[in-house]
Amino acid sequence: MALWRMTDGGPVKLSPSRLDLESRLEELIKADPSMVGLDVLVLGQQVPTAFGGFIDLLALDSQGVVHVLELKRDRTPRDVVSQTLDYGSWVHGLSLDDLEGIYEGQDGDDLADAFAERFGQPLPETVNADQQLTVIASELDPASDRIIEYLAETYAVPINAIFFRYFGDEDREYLARTWLLDPATVEPTTARTSRSKTKPWNGRDFYCIQGRVDDEHNRWEMGRTHGFVSAAGGEWYSKPLRNLKPGHRALAYVGGAGYVGIGEVTGEVRPLAEMTDASGTRLIDLPGFDARMAEWARTLGPEETEYVVPVSWFAAVPTAEAKMTSGLFANQLSACRLTDARTIEFVEDAFGLTDSRGG
């Protein structure tokens, strides 16, 4: 690959450099995995294995496939290919508990919450049924290329290689990326099948659980009256609410009852104590606002308090009038992308919406 910088005097060719790129790539990819063309959540860096090796980067995608990302560094090409396969054999035996331990050990966070925040959906029922192995290098020798191609194309081993070239141009730096094999041809078979069955998200609708029918406080009644969806338990439990942005639709659900409202998101997540009505009065200072929720908002810190997302309801009913039938989508995440078309259609029909926007 060649690059040229366009100047008034004509194009100036930039030459690739052998700067110590691979020592920097690990941190760059950890910060932004999209650099390698993957939509993944990084679970850990320099993850120790049971036999003494360290996986450069371990990651998880939205289908539950675990990715081993291994940089060549100063190893021979054949060594890094062999090492990556060896790591894949170890990762194959990891349970969900093991993966949660790796993630918590690296960042002190909860994997389920981080996954929901990253992908806007709960963890799949099956995690780590497949692995994807990726060697990252500035170059490999022809023999290593042939080995990867042979394993992937003849035996369907989900292994591939990504090559980065570095170009320096005065005070600017550039990276160019290319794959050894088309990524679509080497992903795990069961992952490809799962991906083909996954219903696409419409880019708009979110499921939002608003407590349970037997809760002691009035979360849904407050949300219905004052225009919001919320989640208690502080920043960590409310993290999925961050995925709701103005223009999205919130489909509110009360556990044990059914769907109770549908509306348009009009703002981003904030602590309940910061939400005001049209006059600028804090909701928690209004007469009749739930006393327990108001107390939480006034006294609890950010790690425990209630968080809300403002919503303009197209239609909303008391919990006693919830809409429900068998087979509708429901789970315990405070918010997640809603991809079940049957549920969306049921809620729209149940609330008498006249078009797909809820108008």
Protein backbone atom coordinates (compact mmCIF):
# COMPACT_ATOMS: atom_id res chain seq x y z
CA MET A 1 0.00 0.00 0.00
CA ALA A 2 1.21 3.49 -0.82
CA LEU A 3 0.03 6.91 0.33
CA TRP A 4 0.60 10.35 -1.18
CA ARG A 5 0.23 13.77 0.39
CA MET A 6 -1.19 16.30 -2.04
CA THR A 7 0.75 19.58 -2.14
CA ASP A 8 0.74 22.66 -4.36
CA GLY A 9 3.88 21.29 -5.96
CA GLY A 10 2.32 17.91 -6.64
CA PRO A 11 1.88 14.59 -4.79
CA VAL A 12 4.52 13.60 -2.24
CA LYS A 13 4.81 9.87 -1.66
CA LEU A 14 4.87 8.72 1.98
CA SER A 15 6.94 5.66 2.76
CA PRO A 16 5.94 3.12 5.40
CA SER A 17 8.12 3.07 8.50
CA ARG A 18 9.15 0.29 10.84
CA LEU A 19 8.53 2.42 13.92
CA ASP A 20 7.93 0.27 17.00
CA LEU A 21 4.29 0.06 15.97
CA GLU A 22 3.28 -3.21 17.60
CA SER A 23 4.30 -1.99 21.06
CA ARG A 24 1.79 0.87 20.65
CA LEU A 25 -0.99 -1.01 18.91
CA GLU A 26 -2.11 -2.92 21.99
CA GLU A 27 -3.05 0.25 23.86
CA LEU A 28 -4.59 1.83 20.77
CA ILE A 29 -6.77 -1.21 20.08
CA LYS A 30 -7.78 -1.55 23.72
CA ALA A 31 -9.00 2.06 23.66
CA ASP A 32 -10.75 1.64 20.29
CA PRO A 33 -11.33 -1.97 19.12
CA SER A 34 -12.96 -0.66 15.93
CA MET A 35 -9.40 -0.13 14.69
CA VAL A 36 -9.38 -3.84 13.89
CA GLY A 37 -12.85 -3.74 12.39
CA LEU A 38 -14.46 -5.51 15.34
CA ASP A 39 -17.46 -4.45 17.40
CA VAL A 40 -16.35 -5.90 20.73
CA LEU A 41 -16.13 -5.26 24.45
CA VAL A 42 -12.56 -5.69 25.69
CA LEU A 43 -12.57 -8.08 28.67
CA GLY A 44 -8.94 -7.90 29.61
CA GLN A 45 -5.40 -7.04 28.63
CA GLN A 46 -2.40 -9.32 29.20
CA VAL A 47 -4.74 -12.01 30.49
CA PRO A 48 -2.78 -14.81 32.22
CA THR A 49 -3.52 -18.34 31.03
CA ALA A 50 -3.31 -21.58 32.95
CA PHE A 51 0.00 -22.50 31.31
CA GLY A 52 1.97 -19.32 31.85
CA GLY A 53 1.24 -17.33 28.69
CA PHE A 54 -0.48 -13.93 28.51
CA ILE A 55 -3.17 -13.10 25.96
CA ASP A 56 -2.60 -9.57 24.67
CA LEU A 57 -6.31 -8.69 24.42
CA LEU A 58 -9.39 -10.77 25.16
CA ALA A 59 -12.77 -9.47 23.99
CA LEU A 60 -16.44 -10.40 23.63
CA ASP A 61 -18.81 -9.50 20.79
CA SER A 62 -22.58 -9.05 20.84
CA GLN A 63 -23.17 -12.69 19.80
CA GLY A 64 -21.22 -14.06 22.77
CA VAL A 65 -18.16 -15.01 20.69
CA VAL A 66 -14.87 -14.57 22.57
CA HIS A 67 -12.04 -12.95 20.59
CA VAL A 68 -8.34 -13.58 21.12
CA LEU A 69 -6.29 -10.67 19.74
CA GLU A 70 -2.59 -11.44 19.67
CA LEU A 71 0.14 -9.08 18.49
CA LYS A 72 3.25 -10.42 16.78
CA ARG A 73 5.75 -8.19 18.64
CA ASP A 74 9.25 -9.66 18.52
CA ARG A 75 8.16 -13.26 18.00
CA THR A 76 8.67 -15.09 14.73
CA PRO A 77 5.53 -15.23 12.57
CA ARG A 78 5.18 -18.97 13.06
CA ASP A 79 5.56 -18.60 16.83
CA VAL A 80 2.76 -16.05 17.07
CA VAL A 81 0.41 -18.18 14.95
CA SER A 82 1.15 -21.22 17.10
CA GLN A 83 0.76 -19.18 20.29
CA THR A 84 -2.60 -17.79 19.15
CA LEU A 85 -3.93 -21.28 18.45
CA ASP A 86 -2.70 -22.41 21.87
CA TYR A 87 -4.48 -19.49 23.54
CA GLY A 88 -7.64 -20.35 21.63
CA SER A 89 -7.55 -23.88 23.05
CA TRP A 90 -7.41 -22.45 26.57
CA VAL A 91 -10.11 -19.84 25.99
CA HIS A 92 -12.40 -22.56 24.62
CA GLY A 93 -12.75 -23.99 28.14
CA LEU A 94 -13.63 -20.73 29.90
CA SER A 95 -17.06 -20.47 31.52
CA LEU A 96 -19.14 -17.32 31.87
CA ASP A 97 -17.97 -17.14 35.50
CA ASP A 98 -14.36 -17.25 34.28
CA LEU A 99 -15.00 -14.42 31.82
CA GLU A 100 -16.73 -12.37 34.50
CA GLY A 101 -13.71 -12.90 36.76
CA ILE A 102 -11.33 -11.76 34.03
CA TYR A 103 -13.38 -8.63 33.40
CA GLU A 104 -13.84 -7.77 37.06
CA GLY A 105 -10.20 -8.48 37.75
CA GLN A 106 -9.16 -5.96 35.10
CA ASP A 107 -11.65 -3.14 35.65
CA GLY A 108 -13.65 -3.76 38.83
CA ASP A 109 -16.88 -3.56 36.83
CA ASP A 110 -19.73 -6.01 36.28
CA LEU A 111 -19.64 -7.79 32.91
CA ALA A 112 -23.42 -7.97 32.46
CA ASP A 113 -23.80 -4.22 33.03
CA ALA A 114 -20.84 -3.37 30.81
CA PHE A 115 -22.19 -5.64 28.04
CA ALA A 116 -25.63 -4.02 28.24
CA GLU A 117 -24.09 -0.56 28.11
CA ARG A 118 -21.83 -1.47 25.18
CA PHE A 119 -24.37 -3.32 23.04
CA GLY A 120 -27.74 -2.15 24.39
CA GLN A 121 -28.88 -5.71 25.04
CA PRO A 122 -28.44 -8.39 27.71
CA LEU A 123 -25.77 -11.05 27.61
CA PRO A 124 -26.74 -13.90 25.23
CA GLU A 125 -28.02 -17.11 26.79
CA THR A 126 -24.89 -18.86 25.48
CA VAL A 127 -21.48 -17.22 25.84
CA ASN A 128 -18.16 -18.58 24.51
CA ALA A 129 -19.64 -21.33 22.38
CA ASP A 130 -17.21 -20.02 19.74
CA GLN A 131 -13.89 -18.21 19.62
CA GLN A 132 -12.37 -15.93 17.00
CA LEU A 133 -8.57 -15.78 16.76
CA THR A 134 -6.83 -12.77 15.24
CA VAL A 135 -3.11 -12.24 14.72
CA ILE A 136 -2.14 -8.55 14.49
CA ALA A 137 1.15 -7.64 12.84
CA SER A 138 2.90 -5.23 10.53
CA GLU A 139 3.74 -8.23 8.36
CA LEU A 140 3.96 -12.03 8.37
CA ASP A 141 6.12 -14.33 6.30
CA PRO A 142 4.52 -16.19 3.36
CA ALA A 143 4.64 -19.51 5.21
CA SER A 144 2.57 -18.09 8.10
CA ASP A 145 0.09 -16.62 5.62
CA ARG A 146 -0.28 -20.06 4.06
CA ILE A 147 -0.79 -21.72 7.46
CA ILE A 148 -3.58 -19.30 8.41
CA GLU A 149 -5.23 -19.65 5.01
CA TYR A 150 -4.98 -23.46 5.19
CA LEU A 151 -6.53 -23.65 8.67
CA ALA A 152 -9.30 -21.18 7.88
CA GLU A 153 -10.22 -22.32 4.38
CA THR A 154 -9.68 -26.07 4.67
CA TYR A 155 -10.65 -26.79 8.28
CA ALA A 156 -12.84 -23.75 9.07
CA VAL A 157 -10.63 -22.71 11.99
CA PRO A 158 -11.77 -19.16 12.87
CA ILE A 159 -8.34 -17.56 12.56
CA ASN A 160 -7.33 -14.50 10.58
CA ALA A 161 -4.58 -11.90 10.43
CA ILE A 162 -4.71 -8.11 10.32
CA PHE A 163 -1.80 -6.06 8.99
CA PHE A 164 -1.10 -2.46 9.94
CA ARG A 165 1.25 -0.19 8.02
CA TYR A 166 2.58 2.96 9.65
CA PHE A 167 3.23 6.16 7.73
CA GLY A 168 4.83 9.29 9.20
CA ASP A 169 4.34 12.67 7.57
CA GLU A 170 6.15 15.44 9.41
CA ASP A 171 4.12 15.82 12.65
CA ARG A 172 1.30 13.55 11.47
CA GLU A 173 0.99 9.79 11.81
CA TYR A 174 -1.20 7.44 9.80
CA LEU A 175 -2.16 3.77 10.05
CA ALA A 176 -3.47 1.65 7.18
CA ARG A 177 -5.21 -1.67 7.86
CA THR A 178 -5.84 -4.72 5.75
CA TRP A 179 -7.04 -8.29 6.43
CA LEU A 180 -5.36 -11.45 5.21
CA LEU A 181 -8.76 -13.09 4.60
CA ASP A 182 -12.25 -11.65 4.21
CA PRO A 183 -13.53 -11.53 7.83
CA ALA A 184 -16.99 -12.73 6.76
CA THR A 185 -15.51 -16.00 5.52
CA VAL A 186 -13.66 -16.99 8.69
CA GLU A 187 -16.05 -16.19 11.54
CA PRO A 188 -17.21 -19.19 13.59
CA THR A 189 -19.94 -21.22 11.91
CA THR A 190 -22.36 -21.15 14.83
CA ALA A 191 -21.75 -17.44 15.31
CA ARG A 192 -22.57 -16.86 11.65
CA THR A 193 -25.75 -18.88 12.06
CA SER A 194 -26.66 -16.96 15.22
CA ARG A 195 -25.94 -13.66 13.49
CA SER A 196 -28.20 -14.58 10.58
CA LYS A 197 -31.03 -15.32 13.00
CA THR A 198 -30.56 -12.16 15.04
CA LYS A 199 -33.31 -9.66 14.40
CA PRO A 200 -31.95 -6.26 13.43
CA TRP A 201 -32.63 -3.34 15.74
CA ASN A 202 -34.76 -0.63 14.16
CA GLY A 203 -32.51 2.08 15.60
CA ARG A 204 -35.32 3.52 17.68
CA ASP A 205 -37.08 1.31 20.23
CA PHE A 206 -35.91 0.53 23.77
CA TYR A 207 -37.45 -1.71 26.39
CA CYS A 208 -37.42 -0.04 29.84
CA ILE A 209 -38.46 -1.94 32.96
CA GLN A 210 -40.06 0.27 35.59
CA GLY A 211 -40.04 -1.87 38.72
CA ARG A 212 -42.43 -4.65 39.58
CA VAL A 213 -46.12 -4.72 40.32
CA ASP A 214 -45.39 -5.51 44.00
CA ASP A 215 -42.81 -2.72 44.54
CA GLU A 216 -43.44 -0.60 47.64
CA HIS A 217 -42.75 2.72 45.92
CA ASN A 218 -44.45 4.39 42.94
CA ARG A 219 -41.67 4.49 40.33
CA TRP A 220 -43.98 3.96 37.36
CA GLU A 221 -46.72 6.26 38.66
CA MET A 222 -44.13 9.01 39.11
CA GLY A 223 -42.66 8.34 35.66
CA ARG A 224 -46.09 8.31 34.03
CA THR A 225 -47.15 11.52 35.75
CA HIS A 226 -43.94 13.49 35.38
CA GLY A 227 -42.56 12.09 32.12
CA PHE A 228 -39.57 9.86 32.69
CA VAL A 229 -38.24 6.32 32.89
CA SER A 230 -35.86 5.57 35.75
CA ALA A 231 -33.64 3.06 37.47
CA ALA A 232 -32.52 2.86 41.08
CA GLY A 233 -29.28 1.42 42.36
CA GLY A 234 -26.94 4.18 41.25
CA GLU A 235 -24.65 4.61 38.29
CA TRP A 236 -23.95 0.93 37.68
CA TYR A 237 -27.53 -0.39 37.46
CA SER A 238 -28.67 2.67 35.52
CA LYS A 239 -25.85 2.42 32.96
CA PRO A 240 -28.12 0.99 30.21
CA LEU A 241 -30.22 4.15 30.45
CA ARG A 242 -27.27 6.01 28.91
CA ASN A 243 -28.07 4.38 25.58
CA LEU A 244 -31.37 6.26 25.35
CA LYS A 245 -31.00 9.43 23.32
CA PRO A 246 -33.48 12.10 22.21
CA GLY A 247 -35.65 10.76 19.40
CA HIS A 248 -35.60 7.14 20.62
CA ARG A 249 -38.81 5.51 21.82
CA ALA A 250 -39.18 4.06 25.30
CA LEU A 251 -41.57 1.15 25.79
CA ALA A 252 -42.19 0.99 29.53
CA TYR A 253 -42.80 -2.34 31.23
CA VAL A 254 -43.75 -3.19 34.82
CA GLY A 255 -42.65 -6.65 35.92
CA GLY A 256 -45.55 -8.95 36.74
CA ALA A 257 -48.04 -6.68 34.96
CA GLY A 258 -47.07 -5.82 31.38
CA TYR A 259 -46.44 -2.85 29.11
CA VAL A 260 -47.69 0.41 30.54
CA GLY A 261 -46.52 3.15 28.21
CA ILE A 262 -44.77 4.22 25.03
CA GLY A 263 -43.21 7.60 24.38
CA GLU A 264 -40.39 9.62 22.83
CA VAL A 265 -37.15 10.23 24.70
CA THR A 266 -36.57 13.97 25.02
CA GLY A 267 -33.31 14.15 26.95
CA GLU A 268 -30.38 12.18 28.31
CA VAL A 269 -29.90 10.36 31.59
CA ARG A 270 -29.46 12.44 34.77
CA PRO A 271 -29.85 12.03 38.53
CA LEU A 272 -33.48 12.36 39.63
CA ALA A 273 -32.50 15.28 41.86
CA GLU A 274 -31.60 17.30 38.74
CA MET A 275 -34.87 16.80 36.85
CA THR A 276 -37.29 19.73 36.83
CA ASP A 277 -40.75 20.48 35.48
CA ALA A 278 -41.60 23.18 32.93
CA SER A 279 -41.44 25.87 35.61
CA GLY A 280 -37.95 24.84 36.71
CA THR A 281 -39.08 23.26 39.99
CA ARG A 282 -37.32 20.05 40.94
CA LEU A 283 -39.67 17.09 40.63
CA ILE A 284 -38.71 15.87 44.08
CA ASP A 285 -39.93 19.19 45.53
CA LEU A 286 -43.38 18.96 43.99
CA PRO A 287 -46.37 18.16 46.26
CA GLY A 288 -47.37 14.54 45.89
CA PHE A 289 -44.05 13.31 44.54
CA ASP A 290 -43.22 9.90 46.02
CA ALA A 291 -41.59 10.54 49.39
CA ARG A 292 -39.25 7.55 49.26
CA MET A 293 -37.92 8.39 45.79
CA ALA A 294 -37.47 12.03 46.85
CA GLU A 295 -35.54 10.96 49.94
CA TRP A 296 -33.24 8.77 47.86
CA ALA A 297 -32.59 11.65 45.47
CA ARG A 298 -31.74 14.04 48.32
CA THR A 299 -29.60 11.75 50.46
CA LEU A 300 -27.95 9.06 48.34
CA GLY A 301 -24.69 9.53 46.46
CA PRO A 302 -24.18 8.88 42.74
CA GLU A 303 -23.39 5.21 43.31
CA GLU A 304 -26.80 4.54 44.88
CA THR A 305 -29.30 7.18 43.79
CA GLU A 306 -32.11 7.08 41.19
CA TYR A 307 -31.38 8.09 37.61
CA VAL A 308 -33.99 9.21 35.09
CA VAL A 309 -34.40 9.81 31.34
CA PRO A 310 -37.11 12.33 30.34
CA VAL A 311 -39.85 10.94 28.08
CA SER A 312 -42.85 12.54 26.37
CA TRP A 313 -45.52 9.84 26.58
CA PHE A 314 -47.66 9.11 23.52
CA ALA A 315 -49.74 6.88 25.76
CA ALA A 316 -49.35 5.73 29.36
CA VAL A 317 -51.66 3.89 31.75
CA PRO A 318 -51.66 2.93 35.45
CA THR A 319 -50.08 -0.41 36.29
CA ALA A 320 -53.52 -1.92 36.83
CA GLU A 321 -54.26 -1.30 33.13
CA ALA A 322 -51.01 -2.81 31.79
CA LYS A 323 -51.14 -4.45 28.36
CA MET A 324 -49.89 -8.02 28.15
CA THR A 325 -50.17 -11.26 26.25
CA SER A 326 -48.06 -14.41 26.12
CA GLY A 327 -44.67 -14.41 24.44
CA LEU A 328 -43.80 -10.73 24.70
CA PHE A 329 -40.24 -9.61 25.34
CA ALA A 330 -39.23 -8.92 28.95
CA ASN A 331 -36.06 -9.04 31.04
CA GLN A 332 -34.48 -7.43 34.09
CA LEU A 333 -32.19 -4.88 32.40
CA SER A 334 -33.13 -1.31 33.19
CA ALA A 335 -33.07 -0.63 29.43
CA CYS A 336 -32.11 -2.49 26.27
CA ARG A 337 -32.67 -2.36 22.55
CA LEU A 338 -36.00 -3.91 21.61
CA THR A 339 -35.69 -6.08 18.49
CA ASP A 340 -38.80 -8.24 18.89
CA ALA A 341 -41.18 -7.02 16.16
CA ARG A 342 -44.13 -8.86 17.66
CA THR A 343 -43.73 -7.00 20.96
CA ILE A 344 -43.39 -3.63 19.23
CA GLU A 345 -46.50 -4.26 17.12
CA PHE A 346 -48.48 -5.44 20.13
CA VAL A 347 -47.61 -2.34 22.17
CA GLU A 348 -48.40 0.00 19.27
CA ASP A 349 -51.76 -1.68 18.71
CA ALA A 350 -52.57 -1.87 22.42
CA PHE A 351 -52.03 1.87 22.82
CA GLY A 352 -53.79 2.80 19.60
CA LEU A 353 -50.85 4.41 17.86
CA THR A 354 -51.67 5.45 14.32
CA ASP A 355 -48.23 5.25 12.72
CA SER A 356 -44.75 3.87 13.36
CA ARG A 357 -43.65 7.08 15.10
CA GLY A 358 -46.46 6.99 17.61
CA GLY A 359 -48.26 10.02 16.19
